[in-house]
Amino acid sequence: FRSNAHNTQHTRTPVHQNQTTNHTHANMSSATAIPVSRQVEDMWDTEKTAQGKLRVIKILIKEEVCDVAQTVPKGSNVETDFNNMKNLVTRNEACYLLFRVADSHWIFVSYVPDLARITDKLVYAATNATIRHHLGTNCFDDDPHFSQPSEFDWHAYTESKKSIRCLSEREQHIEKLVTTAAAGALAHVTASE
């Protein structure tokens, strides 16, 4: 769903006659019509390629629009940058974090803390699939859900990927990326010692 660059007022997608409007049947995986801002679209078009300069794009839902809240340039290595994402979150505010693992390989982190408002939990859960679809689900190698700042731990994250025994082709690709990035981070640390 693209917003009009010349019109700052966002509209919702109309409900088709065959869609239900009875909210009693809605669940947390239902998609929302919350649009992605022009700023997110433009930034993503630039950054999703290997030539991008950012490591993290933090997105918040404000006034019923997904918008860029903060960006972080690539730092010294993937592991440190991943661990430092804990400094971008709070214990009561939900957000999405787009994290560049390597070149054009990204992880879509949905961060919804236990102390977030119930309505925020519902909105972020319902908008998750919408924003990933809008940005391109094939652009993301993984989509972990975190609820505590302490979960931003590269070692724990990579170990959780290794514990999966039966991997699909896509999961094998993700594991290879994570392993390659971890090896690169280790080589960087070793070279600087």
Protein backbone atom coordinates (compact mmCIF):
# COMPACT_ATOMS: atom_id res chain seq x y z
CA PHE A 1 0.00 0.00 0.00
CA ARG A 2 1.72 3.16 -1.15
CA SER A 3 0.93 6.59 0.19
CA ASN A 4 0.62 9.52 -2.18
CA ALA A 5 3.72 11.73 -1.88
CA HIS A 6 1.70 14.90 -2.57
CA ASN A 7 -1.03 14.06 -0.10
CA THR A 8 -0.07 13.76 3.57
CA GLN A 9 -3.45 12.34 4.51
CA HIS A 10 -3.48 8.54 4.43
CA THR A 11 -6.50 6.49 3.46
CA ARG A 12 -7.43 3.00 4.43
CA THR A 13 -7.93 0.21 1.95
CA PRO A 14 -11.69 -0.23 1.37
CA VAL A 15 -13.37 -3.34 2.74
CA HIS A 16 -14.56 -5.54 -0.11
CA GLN A 17 -18.03 -7.00 0.05
CA ASN A 18 -16.76 -10.52 0.56
CA GLN A 19 -14.58 -9.50 3.53
CA THR A 20 -15.98 -9.67 7.01
CA THR A 21 -16.14 -6.56 9.15
CA ASN A 22 -17.12 -8.45 12.28
CA HIS A 23 -14.20 -7.89 14.65
CA THR A 24 -15.19 -10.81 16.87
CA HIS A 25 -13.59 -13.10 14.29
CA ALA A 26 -10.37 -11.10 14.11
CA ASN A 27 -7.24 -12.59 15.56
CA MET A 28 -3.71 -11.35 16.17
CA SER A 29 -2.51 -12.56 12.77
CA SER A 30 -5.07 -10.51 10.86
CA ALA A 31 -3.51 -7.93 8.60
CA THR A 32 -4.22 -4.24 9.09
CA ALA A 33 -4.54 -1.43 6.60
CA ILE A 34 -1.92 0.68 8.37
CA PRO A 35 0.16 2.18 5.57
CA VAL A 36 3.91 2.52 5.27
CA SER A 37 5.10 6.13 5.04
CA ARG A 38 6.84 7.52 1.96
CA GLN A 39 9.99 7.93 4.11
CA VAL A 40 10.02 4.17 4.89
CA GLU A 41 9.43 3.31 1.21
CA ASP A 42 12.18 5.61 -0.07
CA MET A 43 14.67 4.55 2.58
CA TRP A 44 13.93 0.86 2.02
CA ASP A 45 14.30 1.20 -1.76
CA THR A 46 17.80 2.61 -1.18
CA GLU A 47 18.92 0.45 1.74
CA LYS A 48 17.69 -3.02 0.78
CA THR A 49 20.47 -3.31 -1.80
CA ALA A 50 24.07 -4.24 -1.09
CA GLN A 51 25.09 -0.59 -1.57
CA GLY A 52 23.08 0.58 1.46
CA LYS A 53 24.91 2.24 4.35
CA LEU A 54 22.57 1.47 7.26
CA ARG A 55 22.67 -1.50 9.65
CA VAL A 56 19.32 -0.83 11.40
CA ILE A 57 16.08 0.91 10.50
CA LYS A 58 13.72 1.31 13.47
CA ILE A 59 10.05 1.67 12.55
CA LEU A 60 7.24 2.80 14.84
CA ILE A 61 3.52 2.97 14.24
CA LYS A 62 2.47 6.54 15.00
CA GLU A 63 -0.86 8.09 14.08
CA GLU A 64 -1.78 4.91 12.18
CA VAL A 65 1.28 5.04 9.87
CA CYS A 66 4.47 2.96 9.90
CA ASP A 67 7.29 5.49 9.91
CA VAL A 68 11.06 5.64 10.43
CA ALA A 69 11.89 6.46 14.05
CA GLN A 70 15.65 5.97 13.97
CA THR A 71 18.47 4.64 11.80
CA VAL A 72 21.88 3.26 12.68
CA PRO A 73 24.80 3.10 10.23
CA LYS A 74 26.90 -0.06 9.85
CA GLY A 75 29.29 -0.36 12.77
CA SER A 76 32.39 -2.40 13.34
CA ASN A 77 30.73 -5.82 12.91
CA VAL A 78 27.40 -7.64 12.77
CA GLU A 79 27.62 -9.14 16.26
CA THR A 80 28.25 -5.82 18.00
CA ASP A 81 25.59 -4.03 15.94
CA PHE A 82 23.03 -6.76 16.69
CA ASN A 83 23.79 -6.65 20.43
CA ASN A 84 23.56 -2.85 20.40
CA MET A 85 19.97 -2.95 19.14
CA LYS A 86 18.99 -3.40 22.81
CA ASN A 87 19.84 0.30 23.16
CA LEU A 88 17.18 1.18 20.56
CA VAL A 89 14.28 -0.37 22.46
CA THR A 90 12.47 0.28 25.72
CA ARG A 91 10.64 -2.02 28.10
CA ASN A 92 7.22 -0.61 27.15
CA GLU A 93 7.29 0.52 23.48
CA ALA A 94 6.79 -1.87 20.57
CA CYS A 95 8.65 -1.39 17.29
CA TYR A 96 9.98 -3.11 14.19
CA LEU A 97 13.71 -3.27 13.57
CA LEU A 98 15.07 -4.00 10.11
CA PHE A 99 18.58 -5.37 10.65
CA ARG A 100 21.12 -5.83 7.85
CA VAL A 101 23.05 -9.06 8.35
CA ALA A 102 25.16 -8.73 5.20
CA ASP A 103 24.89 -6.77 1.94
CA SER A 104 21.26 -7.25 0.87
CA HIS A 105 20.36 -9.80 3.58
CA TRP A 106 18.04 -8.53 6.28
CA ILE A 107 16.26 -9.75 9.42
CA PHE A 108 12.83 -8.32 10.31
CA VAL A 109 12.69 -8.12 14.12
CA SER A 110 9.29 -7.60 15.68
CA TYR A 111 9.88 -6.21 19.17
CA VAL A 112 6.78 -6.22 21.38
CA PRO A 113 7.68 -6.02 25.07
CA ASP A 114 5.53 -7.57 27.77
CA LEU A 115 4.94 -4.12 29.29
CA ALA A 116 3.62 -2.57 26.05
CA ARG A 117 0.00 -1.40 26.04
CA ILE A 118 -2.44 -4.14 25.02
CA THR A 119 -3.65 -2.10 22.04
CA ASP A 120 -0.04 -1.68 20.84
CA LYS A 121 0.55 -5.42 21.17
CA LEU A 122 -2.51 -6.09 19.02
CA VAL A 123 -1.71 -3.42 16.42
CA TYR A 124 1.93 -4.50 16.03
CA ALA A 125 1.00 -8.17 15.81
CA ALA A 126 -1.68 -7.43 13.21
CA THR A 127 0.53 -5.07 11.17
CA ASN A 128 3.58 -7.38 11.11
CA ALA A 129 2.51 -9.33 8.03
CA THR A 130 1.30 -6.17 6.27
CA ILE A 131 4.59 -4.30 6.56
CA ARG A 132 6.69 -7.36 5.66
CA HIS A 133 4.49 -7.95 2.61
CA HIS A 134 4.72 -4.28 1.61
CA LEU A 135 8.52 -4.21 1.90
CA GLY A 136 8.83 -7.65 0.29
CA THR A 137 8.75 -10.83 2.35
CA ASN A 138 11.53 -12.29 0.20
CA CYS A 139 13.81 -9.43 1.36
CA PHE A 140 13.97 -10.89 4.87
CA ASP A 141 15.93 -14.01 5.76
CA ASP A 142 14.34 -14.31 9.19
CA ASP A 143 11.65 -12.65 11.29
CA PRO A 144 12.26 -13.23 15.01
CA HIS A 145 9.91 -11.90 17.67
CA PHE A 146 11.54 -10.41 20.76
CA SER A 147 9.91 -9.12 23.94
CA GLN A 148 12.92 -8.14 26.09
CA PRO A 149 16.03 -6.05 25.42
CA SER A 150 18.19 -8.95 26.64
CA GLU A 151 17.09 -11.01 23.61
CA PHE A 152 19.30 -8.84 21.38
CA ASP A 153 22.22 -11.23 21.81
CA TRP A 154 23.95 -12.33 18.60
CA HIS A 155 25.43 -15.47 20.15
CA ALA A 156 22.06 -16.63 21.52
CA TYR A 157 20.34 -15.78 18.24
CA THR A 158 22.85 -17.72 16.13
CA GLU A 159 22.77 -20.66 18.54
CA SER A 160 18.97 -20.79 18.30
CA LYS A 161 19.35 -21.10 14.53
CA LYS A 162 21.81 -23.98 14.90
CA SER A 163 19.46 -25.95 17.15
CA ILE A 164 17.01 -26.53 14.30
CA ARG A 165 17.59 -30.05 13.02
CA CYS A 166 15.27 -30.31 10.02
CA LEU A 167 15.82 -27.21 7.90
CA SER A 168 13.97 -26.07 4.81
CA GLU A 169 15.99 -24.69 1.90
CA ARG A 170 15.26 -21.10 3.04
CA GLU A 171 16.24 -21.93 6.63
CA GLN A 172 19.49 -23.49 5.39
CA HIS A 173 20.18 -20.25 3.52
CA ILE A 174 19.52 -18.22 6.68
CA GLU A 175 21.80 -20.47 8.72
CA LYS A 176 24.56 -20.07 6.13
CA LEU A 177 24.19 -16.26 6.25
CA VAL A 178 24.26 -16.19 10.04
CA THR A 179 27.30 -18.49 10.16
CA THR A 180 29.11 -16.45 7.51
CA ALA A 181 28.37 -13.18 9.33
CA ALA A 182 29.52 -14.69 12.65
CA ALA A 183 32.74 -15.93 11.04
CA GLY A 184 33.30 -12.47 9.57
CA ALA A 185 32.76 -10.86 12.99
CA LEU A 186 35.22 -13.30 14.58
CA ALA A 187 37.80 -12.67 11.86
CA HIS A 188 37.44 -8.93 12.40
CA VAL A 189 37.96 -9.28 16.16
CA THR A 190 40.92 -11.61 15.68
CA ALA A 191 42.52 -9.28 13.10
CA SER A 192 42.20 -6.26 15.40
CA GLU A 193 43.89 -8.01 18.35
